């Protein structure tokens, strides 16, 4: 590890330690801290054009605020955000907009979330507490370089970003960010390569060349697995690049990013059979100490698979982060509420009652409402969490799944139900990818199709038997839902089906990319409604 990396870790550890201590020191002051966060927001919102239009007052109490302003969704802000971007003004809240962060979604419905100075300060509160706790819990990761994933912007959207880079380090304040860059395995300029494919190649080249890699942070475990699989697919090209220190045919696409060089990595890659074996990755990254990724709900089996490839590293889950804000994060082995950042409320998933965070009780299933420095107020997330305990007065929560559902014909299937269905399956060694709701499933009629990934060498007979058995299990589980059962009896839905393929995850992720979703943010969801054409490989099975 270079002197710059060592110095960067030393100084960064010193800079984030106060954030960790601050989070710990106020764990017994949840209500007063949250009321203070709201007061700060009200003051800034009341000075903004949109706040004045909505009648926001700086002297509102928590209770008055909840009475006066409604629960909101993105559609309540879309027009104002568009005007903000066009005029280069701050309309939602009195805080300068530093950049806009695109979320996943179809290209026609990308949400460009404004990241104001106030909002970035809120993120800095939580990320310093998290990174400070990382240094305390896993000191070895502070001895190597770090990879914090970039959220790739689809090639066709790059002209709309005005040069902004979707860099996870930008959640830190500028001083901590500069120090963090000293510890990074891959330069941020990789994101400026001509296409997502070139950005990915450059990332993998830098990671493969880095014998001192100590920490990997990705959001979706499927993105992490994709990195390892692409390393396998590109291993000979990577070996040529790393042995020569030249990008070769990709040179013109790399936007001037220097090429790494490592004869050691080149030799390992040339001798590699391409299998994702723990022994190869231990030889490549002997210092890897921590691996961080989503690991709850639909991500669980894929997180286990990624962890199995990198057993030398401790594993840490992510908590619940979204482009619009952070709800929970890993700290002291729990996932506490990020109470020092935004102002939070929660909808009880059972009775719809809105609760302040200090009113939550263990065992409750809740849906978060966020009030953030971006100008969002009482913004409803599409996620369900369960209160599983507390650190001091601050609740810790487990992510259960998304709350947005599918209603093809009135059957009202929720993502949490889809997750429960998949959790109850006897999968015969397969891995679930998603439950698809298709407008034209079997016989061109609407229905549900479970996608699973089976082993590479699975015979056609075994595959057919697996598909039939899993389809029956899914159908039986879905029939426990009254509305689904009624829709089936009325002939509105086809019987559930299953498609099992060796590379199903790759097929699913390719389709997500084609539908405009953002690389690095694409995650395995328990339920997905795919409108439009069904990929031919699925259609062949469904029509058989």
Protein backbone atom coordinates (compact mmCIF):
# COMPACT_ATOMS: atom_id res chain seq x y z
CA UNK A 1 0.00 0.00 0.00
CA UNK A 2 1.37 3.41 -0.98
CA UNK A 3 2.24 6.22 1.40
CA UNK A 4 -0.67 8.28 0.06
CA UNK A 5 -3.13 5.53 0.91
CA UNK A 6 -1.70 5.11 4.41
CA UNK A 7 -1.86 8.85 5.04
CA UNK A 8 -5.37 9.02 3.58
CA UNK A 9 -6.64 6.33 5.94
CA UNK A 10 -4.96 7.92 8.94
CA UNK A 11 -6.42 11.36 8.29
CA UNK A 12 -9.82 10.05 7.23
CA UNK A 13 -10.07 7.95 10.39
CA UNK A 14 -9.41 11.09 12.43
CA UNK A 15 -11.98 13.11 10.47
CA UNK A 16 -14.85 10.59 10.68
CA UNK A 17 -14.33 9.70 14.34
CA UNK A 18 -16.30 12.77 15.58
CA UNK A 19 -19.26 11.71 13.39
CA UNK A 20 -19.27 8.26 14.98
CA UNK A 21 -19.03 9.75 18.47
CA UNK A 22 -21.79 12.28 17.72
CA UNK A 23 -24.11 9.48 16.60
CA UNK A 24 -23.41 7.57 19.82
CA UNK A 25 -23.64 10.58 22.14
CA UNK A 26 -27.21 11.52 21.15
CA UNK A 27 -28.78 8.03 21.04
CA UNK A 28 -30.77 8.95 24.17
CA UNK A 29 -32.16 12.17 22.68
CA UNK A 30 -34.21 10.90 19.73
CA UNK A 31 -37.24 13.17 20.08
CA UNK A 32 -35.34 16.39 20.71
CA UNK A 33 -32.91 15.69 17.86
CA UNK A 34 -35.70 14.90 15.42
CA UNK A 35 -37.69 18.00 16.36
CA UNK A 36 -34.53 20.06 15.84
CA UNK A 37 -33.99 18.48 12.40
CA UNK A 38 -37.53 19.43 11.41
CA UNK A 39 -37.10 22.98 12.71
CA UNK A 40 -34.00 23.36 10.55
CA UNK A 41 -35.92 22.08 7.51
CA UNK A 42 -38.91 24.34 8.15
CA UNK A 43 -36.68 27.40 8.37
CA UNK A 44 -35.02 26.64 5.01
CA UNK A 45 -38.26 25.58 3.30
CA UNK A 46 -40.16 28.66 4.46
CA UNK A 47 -37.60 30.87 2.66
CA UNK A 48 -37.96 29.03 -0.67
CA UNK A 49 -40.38 29.87 -3.51
CA UNK A 50 -42.07 26.47 -3.30
CA UNK A 51 -42.26 26.60 0.49
CA UNK A 52 -43.90 30.01 0.35
CA UNK A 53 -46.34 28.81 -2.31
CA UNK A 54 -47.31 25.90 -0.03
CA UNK A 55 -47.62 28.11 3.04
CA UNK A 56 -44.77 26.50 5.00
CA UNK A 57 -44.02 28.39 8.23
CA UNK A 58 -40.76 28.29 10.14
CA UNK A 59 -42.56 28.35 13.52
CA UNK A 60 -44.63 25.19 12.99
CA UNK A 61 -44.36 22.48 15.63
CA UNK A 62 -43.88 18.84 14.64
CA UNK A 63 -47.59 18.23 15.16
CA UNK A 64 -48.68 21.31 13.18
CA UNK A 65 -46.34 20.35 10.31
CA UNK A 66 -47.95 16.88 10.15
CA UNK A 67 -51.42 18.45 10.08
CA UNK A 68 -50.66 21.08 7.45
CA UNK A 69 -48.65 19.18 4.83
CA UNK A 70 -49.82 16.01 3.05
CA UNK A 71 -47.89 12.82 2.44
CA UNK A 72 -46.16 13.19 -0.94
CA UNK A 73 -44.64 11.20 -3.80
CA UNK A 74 -42.30 12.06 -6.65
CA UNK A 75 -45.13 13.33 -8.87
CA UNK A 76 -45.59 16.20 -6.39
CA UNK A 77 -42.07 17.46 -7.16
CA UNK A 78 -41.39 16.44 -10.76
CA UNK A 79 -42.49 19.73 -12.37
CA UNK A 80 -40.67 21.94 -9.85
CA UNK A 81 -37.48 19.88 -10.20
CA UNK A 82 -37.64 20.20 -13.98
CA UNK A 83 -38.00 23.97 -13.67
CA UNK A 84 -35.10 24.01 -11.15
CA UNK A 85 -32.85 22.21 -13.61
CA UNK A 86 -33.81 24.46 -16.50
CA UNK A 87 -33.41 27.72 -14.55
CA UNK A 88 -30.47 26.52 -12.44
CA UNK A 89 -32.26 27.78 -9.33
CA UNK A 90 -33.18 26.34 -5.92
CA UNK A 91 -36.97 26.39 -5.75
CA UNK A 92 -37.82 23.57 -3.30
CA UNK A 93 -35.65 24.71 -0.40
CA UNK A 94 -33.28 27.53 0.43
CA UNK A 95 -30.06 25.64 -0.17
CA UNK A 96 -27.90 25.64 -3.31
CA UNK A 97 -28.25 22.60 -5.59
CA UNK A 98 -24.84 21.00 -6.02
CA UNK A 99 -25.90 18.34 -8.56
CA UNK A 100 -28.76 16.07 -9.62
CA UNK A 101 -28.67 12.34 -8.99
CA UNK A 102 -30.64 10.12 -11.38
CA UNK A 103 -32.52 7.15 -9.98
CA UNK A 104 -33.20 3.80 -11.59
CA UNK A 105 -36.27 3.49 -13.73
CA UNK A 106 -37.23 3.58 -17.38
CA UNK A 107 -35.51 6.33 -19.36
CA UNK A 108 -38.85 8.09 -19.79
CA UNK A 109 -39.36 8.24 -16.03
CA UNK A 110 -35.91 8.89 -14.54
CA UNK A 111 -36.12 10.94 -11.37
CA UNK A 112 -33.38 13.57 -11.11
CA UNK A 113 -33.16 14.09 -7.36
CA UNK A 114 -31.64 17.46 -6.36
CA UNK A 115 -28.65 17.09 -4.07
CA UNK A 116 -28.46 20.40 -2.23
CA UNK A 117 -25.75 21.48 0.19
CA UNK A 118 -28.19 20.89 3.05
CA UNK A 119 -28.99 17.37 1.82
CA UNK A 120 -25.31 16.51 1.35
CA UNK A 121 -24.67 17.69 4.93
CA UNK A 122 -27.38 15.23 6.04
CA UNK A 123 -25.70 12.39 4.15
CA UNK A 124 -22.33 13.38 5.57
CA UNK A 125 -23.74 12.90 9.08
CA UNK A 126 -24.63 9.28 8.45
CA UNK A 127 -21.71 8.26 6.26
CA UNK A 128 -19.15 9.58 8.76
CA UNK A 129 -20.84 7.57 11.52
CA UNK A 130 -20.81 4.48 9.28
CA UNK A 131 -17.20 4.84 8.10
CA UNK A 132 -16.06 5.66 11.64
CA UNK A 133 -17.70 2.48 12.88
CA UNK A 134 -16.09 0.53 9.99
CA UNK A 135 -12.61 1.60 11.14
CA UNK A 136 -13.47 0.53 14.68
CA UNK A 137 -15.11 -2.82 13.82
CA UNK A 138 -12.82 -3.89 10.98
CA UNK A 139 -9.41 -2.25 11.46
CA UNK A 140 -7.79 -4.37 8.72
CA UNK A 141 -9.84 -2.64 6.01
CA UNK A 142 -7.97 0.52 6.96
CA UNK A 143 -4.72 -1.06 5.81
CA UNK A 144 -5.70 -1.46 2.14
CA UNK A 145 -7.30 0.40 -0.73
CA UNK A 146 -11.09 0.76 -1.08
CA UNK A 147 -13.56 0.34 -3.91
CA UNK A 148 -16.82 2.28 -3.47
CA UNK A 149 -19.08 1.51 -6.41
CA UNK A 150 -20.02 4.04 -9.01
CA UNK A 151 -23.64 4.02 -10.15
CA UNK A 152 -23.15 3.87 -13.90
CA UNK A 153 -25.34 6.17 -15.95
CA UNK A 154 -26.73 4.51 -19.10
CA UNK A 155 -24.78 5.61 -22.18
CA UNK A 156 -27.81 7.34 -23.71
CA UNK A 157 -28.33 9.46 -20.54
CA UNK A 158 -24.73 10.63 -20.14
CA UNK A 159 -25.32 13.80 -22.17
CA UNK A 160 -27.90 14.88 -19.55
CA UNK A 161 -25.58 14.74 -16.55
CA UNK A 162 -23.66 17.95 -17.28
CA UNK A 163 -20.41 16.18 -16.38
CA UNK A 164 -21.61 15.00 -12.98
CA UNK A 165 -20.29 11.65 -11.88
CA UNK A 166 -22.49 9.26 -9.93
CA UNK A 167 -19.76 8.78 -7.35
CA UNK A 168 -20.67 7.30 -3.96
CA UNK A 169 -17.81 9.31 -2.43
CA UNK A 170 -19.78 12.49 -3.18
CA UNK A 171 -21.91 11.71 -0.14
CA UNK A 172 -18.95 12.93 1.94
CA UNK A 173 -18.05 16.57 2.53
CA UNK A 174 -15.31 17.83 0.22
CA UNK A 175 -12.49 17.54 2.75
CA UNK A 176 -13.28 13.95 3.71
CA UNK A 177 -13.86 13.18 0.02
CA UNK A 178 -10.37 14.36 -0.93
CA UNK A 179 -8.86 12.11 1.72
CA UNK A 180 -11.11 9.21 0.72
CA UNK A 181 -9.89 9.50 -2.88
CA UNK A 182 -6.36 8.85 -1.61
CA UNK A 183 -7.55 5.41 -0.47
CA UNK A 184 -9.42 4.47 -3.66
CA UNK A 185 -8.46 1.52 -5.85
CA UNK A 186 -10.08 3.04 -8.96
CA UNK A 187 -10.12 6.71 -10.06
CA UNK A 188 -13.51 8.44 -10.27
CA UNK A 189 -12.80 9.52 -13.88
CA UNK A 190 -13.59 5.95 -14.94
CA UNK A 191 -17.25 7.00 -15.02
CA UNK A 192 -16.47 9.40 -17.88
CA UNK A 193 -15.53 6.61 -20.29
CA UNK A 194 -17.56 6.62 -23.48
CA UNK A 195 -19.92 3.78 -22.53
CA UNK A 196 -20.98 1.78 -19.49
CA UNK A 197 -19.12 -1.20 -20.94
CA UNK A 198 -15.86 0.74 -21.09
CA UNK A 199 -16.38 2.12 -17.57
CA UNK A 200 -16.91 -1.40 -16.30
CA UNK A 201 -13.81 -2.72 -18.09
CA UNK A 202 -11.66 0.05 -16.63
CA UNK A 203 -13.04 -0.57 -13.14
CA UNK A 204 -12.28 -4.28 -13.32
CA UNK A 205 -8.79 -3.58 -14.67
CA UNK A 206 -7.99 -1.32 -11.71
CA UNK A 207 -9.44 -3.76 -9.20
CA UNK A 208 -7.60 -6.75 -10.69
CA UNK A 209 -4.32 -4.81 -10.61
CA UNK A 210 -4.69 -3.88 -6.93
CA UNK A 211 -3.06 -6.46 -4.65
CA UNK A 212 -3.72 -4.18 -1.65
CA UNK A 213 -7.52 -4.05 -2.12
CA UNK A 214 -9.00 -4.14 1.39
CA UNK A 215 -12.64 -3.07 1.06
CA UNK A 216 -15.36 -3.52 -1.57
CA UNK A 217 -18.64 -1.62 -1.33
CA UNK A 218 -21.34 -2.33 -3.91
CA UNK A 219 -25.06 -1.72 -3.58
CA UNK A 220 -26.55 -4.77 -5.26
CA UNK A 221 -24.77 -8.12 -4.75
CA UNK A 222 -25.72 -8.97 -8.34
CA UNK A 223 -23.58 -6.01 -9.47
CA UNK A 224 -20.70 -7.44 -7.43
CA UNK A 225 -21.19 -10.87 -8.98
CA UNK A 226 -21.34 -9.21 -12.39
CA UNK A 227 -17.94 -7.63 -11.77
CA UNK A 228 -16.44 -11.03 -11.01
CA UNK A 229 -18.15 -12.68 -13.97
CA UNK A 230 -17.04 -9.96 -16.37
CA UNK A 231 -13.51 -10.32 -15.03
CA UNK A 232 -13.77 -13.97 -16.06
CA UNK A 233 -15.19 -13.17 -19.51
CA UNK A 234 -12.53 -10.47 -20.16
CA UNK A 235 -9.65 -12.24 -18.44
CA UNK A 236 -7.40 -12.55 -21.52
CA UNK A 237 -8.05 -8.99 -22.68
CA UNK A 238 -7.43 -7.79 -19.13
CA UNK A 239 -4.19 -9.76 -18.99
CA UNK A 240 -2.96 -8.05 -22.18
CA UNK A 241 -3.93 -4.61 -20.87
CA UNK A 242 -2.35 -5.11 -17.43
CA UNK A 243 0.87 -6.55 -18.81
CA UNK A 244 1.34 -3.69 -21.30
CA UNK A 245 -0.12 -0.80 -19.31
CA UNK A 246 -2.06 0.24 -22.43
CA UNK A 247 -5.83 0.16 -23.09
CA UNK A 248 -5.26 -1.21 -26.60
CA UNK A 249 -8.38 -1.03 -28.83
CA UNK A 250 -10.29 0.67 -26.00
CA UNK A 251 -7.87 3.60 -25.76
CA UNK A 252 -10.09 6.10 -27.60
CA UNK A 253 -13.05 5.27 -25.33
CA UNK A 254 -11.27 5.86 -22.01
CA UNK A 255 -11.41 9.68 -21.80
CA UNK A 256 -7.71 9.95 -20.94
CA UNK A 257 -7.91 7.68 -17.88
CA UNK A 258 -4.42 6.18 -17.33
CA UNK A 259 -4.18 2.41 -17.67
CA UNK A 260 -3.02 0.36 -14.64
CA UNK A 261 -0.19 -2.16 -14.96
CA UNK A 262 0.41 -5.36 -13.01
CA UNK A 263 2.45 -8.29 -14.28
CA UNK A 264 1.32 -10.26 -11.21
CA UNK A 265 -2.40 -9.81 -11.98
CA UNK A 266 -1.81 -10.48 -15.69
CA UNK A 267 -0.16 -13.82 -14.90
CA UNK A 268 -3.00 -14.82 -12.54
CA UNK A 269 -5.60 -13.92 -15.14
CA UNK A 270 -3.85 -15.87 -17.92
CA UNK A 271 -3.66 -19.00 -15.78
CA UNK A 272 -7.26 -18.69 -14.51
CA UNK A 273 -9.82 -21.17 -15.83
CA UNK A 274 -12.56 -18.55 -15.42
CA UNK A 275 -14.44 -20.32 -12.62
CA UNK A 276 -15.52 -18.06 -9.74
CA UNK A 277 -13.44 -19.98 -7.23
CA UNK A 278 -12.60 -18.57 -3.80
CA UNK A 279 -8.98 -19.71 -4.26
CA UNK A 280 -8.49 -17.45 -7.30
CA UNK A 281 -9.92 -14.36 -5.62
CA UNK A 282 -7.94 -15.00 -2.43
CA UNK A 283 -4.78 -15.08 -4.56
CA UNK A 284 -5.81 -11.94 -6.42
CA UNK A 285 -6.91 -9.97 -3.33
CA UNK A 286 -5.08 -11.43 -0.30
CA UNK A 287 -5.77 -8.31 1.83
CA UNK A 288 -9.53 -8.05 1.24
CA UNK A 289 -10.99 -7.48 4.71
CA UNK A 290 -14.60 -6.29 4.21
CA UNK A 291 -17.30 -6.79 1.60
CA UNK A 292 -20.41 -4.59 1.82
CA UNK A 293 -23.67 -5.09 -0.14
CA UNK A 294 -27.44 -5.35 0.23
CA UNK A 295 -28.26 -8.65 1.91
CA UNK A 296 -31.95 -8.55 2.87
CA UNK A 297 -35.21 -9.62 1.21
CA UNK A 298 -34.68 -10.62 -2.44
CA UNK A 299 -30.95 -9.83 -2.25
CA UNK A 300 -30.29 -12.51 0.41
CA UNK A 301 -29.41 -15.54 -1.80
CA UNK A 302 -27.28 -13.41 -4.12
CA UNK A 303 -25.41 -11.84 -1.21
CA UNK A 304 -24.61 -15.35 0.03
CA UNK A 305 -23.33 -16.32 -3.42
CA UNK A 306 -21.12 -13.21 -3.62
CA UNK A 307 -19.84 -13.83 -0.10
CA UNK A 308 -19.03 -17.40 -1.07
CA UNK A 309 -16.71 -16.13 -3.81
CA UNK A 310 -14.85 -13.86 -1.37
CA UNK A 311 -14.73 -15.78 1.93
CA UNK A 312 -11.57 -14.00 3.08
CA UNK A 313 -13.64 -10.85 3.72
CA UNK A 314 -16.02 -10.01 6.55
CA UNK A 315 -19.49 -9.27 5.19
CA UNK A 316 -21.58 -6.23 6.11
CA UNK A 317 -25.10 -5.41 4.89
CA UNK A 318 -26.14 -1.93 3.80
CA UNK A 319 -29.33 -1.01 5.60
CA UNK A 320 -31.83 1.05 3.61
CA UNK A 321 -30.40 3.76 1.36
CA UNK A 322 -32.24 5.36 -1.54
CA UNK A 323 -31.39 8.18 -3.92
CA UNK A 324 -33.97 10.31 -2.08
CA UNK A 325 -32.42 9.69 1.34
CA UNK A 326 -31.09 7.22 3.89
CA UNK A 327 -33.27 5.46 6.46
CA UNK A 328 -30.97 2.94 8.18
CA UNK A 329 -27.27 2.05 8.02
CA UNK A 330 -24.97 -0.51 9.66
CA UNK A 331 -23.67 0.55 13.07
CA UNK A 332 -22.48 -1.59 15.98
CA UNK A 333 -23.93 -4.71 14.35
CA UNK A 334 -27.45 -3.20 14.05
CA UNK A 335 -29.29 -1.05 11.49
CA UNK A 336 -30.38 2.05 13.43
CA UNK A 337 -32.41 4.93 12.06
CA UNK A 338 -30.25 7.71 10.58
CA UNK A 339 -31.82 10.06 13.11
CA UNK A 340 -29.16 12.79 12.82
CA UNK A 341 -29.85 13.25 9.10
CA UNK A 342 -33.44 13.73 7.93
CA UNK A 343 -36.73 14.18 9.81
CA UNK A 344 -38.64 10.88 9.81
CA UNK A 345 -42.20 9.70 10.21
CA UNK A 346 -43.55 6.18 9.70
CA UNK A 347 -46.83 4.76 8.44
CA UNK A 348 -47.92 1.67 10.37
CA UNK A 349 -48.31 -0.96 7.65
CA UNK A 350 -51.24 -2.57 9.50
CA UNK A 351 -53.52 0.34 10.38
CA UNK A 352 -52.14 3.26 8.33
CA UNK A 353 -51.53 5.46 11.36
CA UNK A 354 -48.63 7.92 11.02
CA UNK A 355 -46.11 7.75 13.87
CA UNK A 356 -43.13 9.82 14.96
CA UNK A 357 -39.91 7.79 15.28
CA UNK A 358 -40.02 7.96 19.08
CA UNK A 359 -43.46 6.28 18.96
CA UNK A 360 -42.26 3.10 17.21
CA UNK A 361 -42.48 -0.20 19.05
CA UNK A 362 -40.61 -3.47 18.51
CA UNK A 363 -42.29 -5.79 16.02
CA UNK A 364 -44.11 -3.05 14.08
CA UNK A 365 -43.99 -3.12 10.27
CA UNK A 366 -43.68 0.43 9.00
CA UNK A 367 -43.26 2.51 5.82
CA UNK A 368 -40.91 5.54 6.07
CA UNK A 369 -41.80 9.16 5.33
CA UNK A 370 -38.74 11.38 4.74
CA UNK A 371 -38.35 15.14 5.06
CA UNK A 372 -34.95 16.00 3.60
CA UNK A 373 -32.62 18.82 2.68
CA UNK A 374 -33.45 18.27 -0.98
CA UNK A 375 -36.81 19.89 -0.25
CA UNK A 376 -38.86 16.69 -0.07
CA UNK A 377 -41.49 16.76 2.69
CA UNK A 378 -43.26 13.73 4.15
CA UNK A 379 -42.01 11.81 1.11
CA UNK A 380 -43.36 8.25 1.15
CA UNK A 381 -40.87 5.50 0.41
CA UNK A 382 -41.94 2.25 -1.24
CA UNK A 383 -40.32 0.11 1.45
CA UNK A 384 -41.50 -1.89 4.44
CA UNK A 385 -39.30 -2.29 7.52
CA UNK A 386 -39.76 -4.10 10.81
CA UNK A 387 -38.69 -2.54 14.10
CA UNK A 388 -36.32 -5.14 15.56
CA UNK A 389 -34.86 -3.34 18.57
CA UNK A 390 -33.10 -0.12 19.50
CA UNK A 391 -29.78 1.54 20.21
CA UNK A 392 -30.61 3.76 23.16
CA UNK A 393 -33.87 5.41 22.14
CA UNK A 394 -33.16 5.07 18.42
CA UNK A 395 -35.05 2.22 16.70
CA UNK A 396 -33.18 -0.30 14.59
CA UNK A 397 -35.06 -1.76 11.65
CA UNK A 398 -34.87 -4.67 9.21
CA UNK A 399 -35.77 -4.16 5.57
CA UNK A 400 -38.56 -6.57 4.56
CA UNK A 401 -39.17 -5.53 0.95
CA UNK A 402 -40.79 -2.95 -1.24
CA UNK A 403 -44.41 -2.02 -0.70
CA UNK A 404 -45.26 -1.18 -4.29
CA UNK A 405 -47.29 -3.97 -5.81
CA UNK A 406 -48.79 -5.17 -9.08
CA UNK A 407 -52.44 -5.15 -10.01
CA UNK A 408 -52.84 -6.69 -13.47
CA UNK A 409 -56.55 -7.48 -13.13
CA UNK A 410 -57.39 -6.61 -9.52
CA UNK A 411 -55.35 -9.34 -7.82
CA UNK A 412 -53.35 -6.81 -5.72
CA UNK A 413 -50.07 -8.69 -5.35
CA UNK A 414 -47.56 -6.85 -3.17
CA UNK A 415 -43.78 -7.14 -3.23
CA UNK A 416 -43.80 -8.37 0.37
CA UNK A 417 -46.23 -11.16 -0.59
CA UNK A 418 -43.99 -12.05 -3.55
CA UNK A 419 -41.02 -12.22 -1.18
CA UNK A 420 -42.93 -14.48 1.21
CA UNK A 421 -43.85 -16.75 -1.71
CA UNK A 422 -40.20 -17.07 -2.73
CA UNK A 423 -39.01 -17.57 0.84
CA UNK A 424 -41.36 -20.56 1.14
CA UNK A 425 -40.24 -22.35 -2.03
CA UNK A 426 -38.33 -25.64 -2.13
CA UNK A 427 -35.89 -24.43 -4.77
CA UNK A 428 -33.91 -27.63 -5.46
CA UNK A 429 -30.63 -25.71 -5.53
CA UNK A 430 -31.88 -22.96 -7.85
CA UNK A 431 -31.72 -19.25 -7.01
CA UNK A 432 -34.82 -17.05 -7.38
CA UNK A 433 -34.38 -13.97 -9.58
CA UNK A 434 -37.83 -12.37 -9.54
CA UNK A 435 -41.54 -12.99 -9.85
CA UNK A 436 -42.58 -11.33 -13.09
CA UNK A 437 -46.05 -9.96 -13.69
CA UNK A 438 -46.62 -10.03 -17.45
CA UNK A 439 -49.43 -8.48 -19.42
CA UNK A 440 -49.00 -11.36 -21.88
CA UNK A 441 -47.70 -14.40 -20.05
CA UNK A 442 -48.90 -17.86 -21.09
CA UNK A 443 -51.24 -18.01 -24.11
CA UNK A 444 -50.83 -14.22 -24.43
CA UNK A 445 -52.92 -13.66 -21.30
CA UNK A 446 -51.79 -11.88 -18.11
CA UNK A 447 -50.12 -13.91 -15.39
CA UNK A 448 -47.15 -14.43 -13.11
CA UNK A 449 -43.88 -16.11 -14.04
CA UNK A 450 -41.14 -17.02 -11.57
CA UNK A 451 -37.63 -16.65 -12.97
CA UNK A 452 -34.96 -18.84 -11.39
CA UNK A 453 -31.31 -19.54 -12.16
CA UNK A 454 -30.38 -23.21 -12.26
CA UNK A 455 -26.96 -24.83 -12.48
CA UNK A 456 -24.87 -24.69 -15.65
CA UNK A 457 -25.05 -28.41 -16.29
CA UNK A 458 -28.76 -28.91 -15.59
CA UNK A 459 -30.28 -31.34 -18.10
CA UNK A 460 -33.33 -30.45 -20.16
CA UNK A 461 -35.39 -33.08 -18.31
CA UNK A 462 -34.36 -31.79 -14.89
CA UNK A 463 -35.00 -28.22 -16.01
CA UNK A 464 -38.51 -29.09 -17.22
CA UNK A 465 -39.31 -30.92 -13.99
CA UNK A 466 -38.00 -28.01 -11.91
CA UNK A 467 -40.12 -25.54 -13.88
CA UNK A 468 -43.26 -27.62 -13.43
CA UNK A 469 -42.70 -28.17 -9.70
CA UNK A 470 -41.85 -24.55 -8.92
CA UNK A 471 -44.79 -23.28 -10.98
CA UNK A 472 -47.10 -25.45 -8.88
CA UNK A 473 -45.55 -24.18 -5.65
CA UNK A 474 -45.91 -20.55 -6.75
CA UNK A 475 -49.51 -21.04 -7.86
CA UNK A 476 -50.44 -22.68 -4.56
CA UNK A 477 -48.78 -19.89 -2.55
CA UNK A 478 -50.40 -17.11 -4.59
CA UNK A 479 -53.81 -18.73 -4.23
CA UNK A 480 -53.62 -17.94 -0.52
CA UNK A 481 -54.27 -14.33 -1.61
CA UNK A 482 -58.06 -13.91 -1.89
CA UNK A 483 -57.89 -11.43 -4.78
CA UNK A 484 -55.48 -13.62 -6.76
CA UNK A 485 -57.62 -16.70 -6.19
CA UNK A 486 -60.72 -14.83 -7.37
CA UNK A 487 -58.94 -13.57 -10.49
CA UNK A 488 -57.88 -17.13 -11.32
CA UNK A 489 -61.39 -18.49 -10.80
CA UNK A 490 -62.79 -15.77 -13.06
CA UNK A 491 -60.29 -16.68 -15.78
CA UNK A 492 -58.61 -13.28 -15.63
CA UNK A 493 -55.15 -14.68 -14.95
CA UNK A 494 -53.27 -17.64 -16.36
CA UNK A 495 -51.85 -20.23 -13.97
CA UNK A 496 -48.45 -19.23 -12.61
CA UNK A 497 -45.47 -20.44 -14.62
CA UNK A 498 -41.73 -20.82 -14.03
CA UNK A 499 -38.75 -20.43 -16.33
CA UNK A 500 -35.42 -21.89 -15.16
CA UNK A 501 -32.23 -21.07 -17.07
CA UNK A 502 -28.52 -21.29 -16.18
CA UNK A 503 -27.92 -17.58 -16.85
CA UNK A 504 -31.28 -16.17 -15.80
CA UNK A 505 -29.83 -13.40 -13.66
CA UNK A 506 -27.75 -12.08 -16.59
CA UNK A 507 -30.81 -12.20 -18.85
CA UNK A 508 -32.88 -10.30 -16.27
CA UNK A 509 -30.20 -7.65 -15.74
CA UNK A 510 -29.75 -7.20 -19.50
CA UNK A 511 -33.46 -6.57 -19.82
CA UNK A 512 -33.31 -4.04 -16.98
CA UNK A 513 -30.52 -2.19 -18.81
CA UNK A 514 -32.48 -2.23 -22.05
CA UNK A 515 -35.39 -0.69 -20.15
CA UNK A 516 -33.12 2.20 -19.10
CA UNK A 517 -32.23 1.24 -15.54
CA UNK A 518 -28.97 2.55 -14.10
CA UNK A 519 -26.03 0.15 -13.79
CA UNK A 520 -24.94 -0.42 -10.22
CA UNK A 521 -28.39 0.51 -8.88
CA UNK A 522 -30.18 -2.39 -10.57
CA UNK A 523 -31.12 -4.87 -7.92
CA UNK A 524 -32.94 -8.15 -7.69
CA UNK A 525 -36.55 -7.38 -6.72
CA UNK A 526 -39.04 -9.99 -5.49
CA UNK A 527 -41.73 -8.63 -7.84
CA UNK A 528 -41.45 -6.82 -11.16
CA UNK A 529 -44.10 -5.75 -13.68
CA UNK A 530 -42.66 -5.95 -17.19
CA UNK A 531 -44.77 -4.19 -19.76
CA UNK A 532 -44.27 -4.70 -23.47
CA UNK A 533 -42.38 -7.45 -25.24
CA UNK A 534 -41.32 -10.57 -23.37
CA UNK A 535 -37.75 -11.72 -24.19
CA UNK A 536 -37.86 -14.48 -26.79
CA UNK A 537 -36.06 -16.99 -24.57
CA UNK A 538 -38.89 -16.67 -22.02
CA UNK A 539 -41.59 -16.64 -24.68
CA UNK A 540 -40.38 -20.00 -26.02
CA UNK A 541 -40.88 -21.65 -22.62
CA UNK A 542 -44.19 -19.91 -21.89
CA UNK A 543 -45.70 -20.85 -25.26
CA UNK A 544 -44.49 -24.46 -25.15
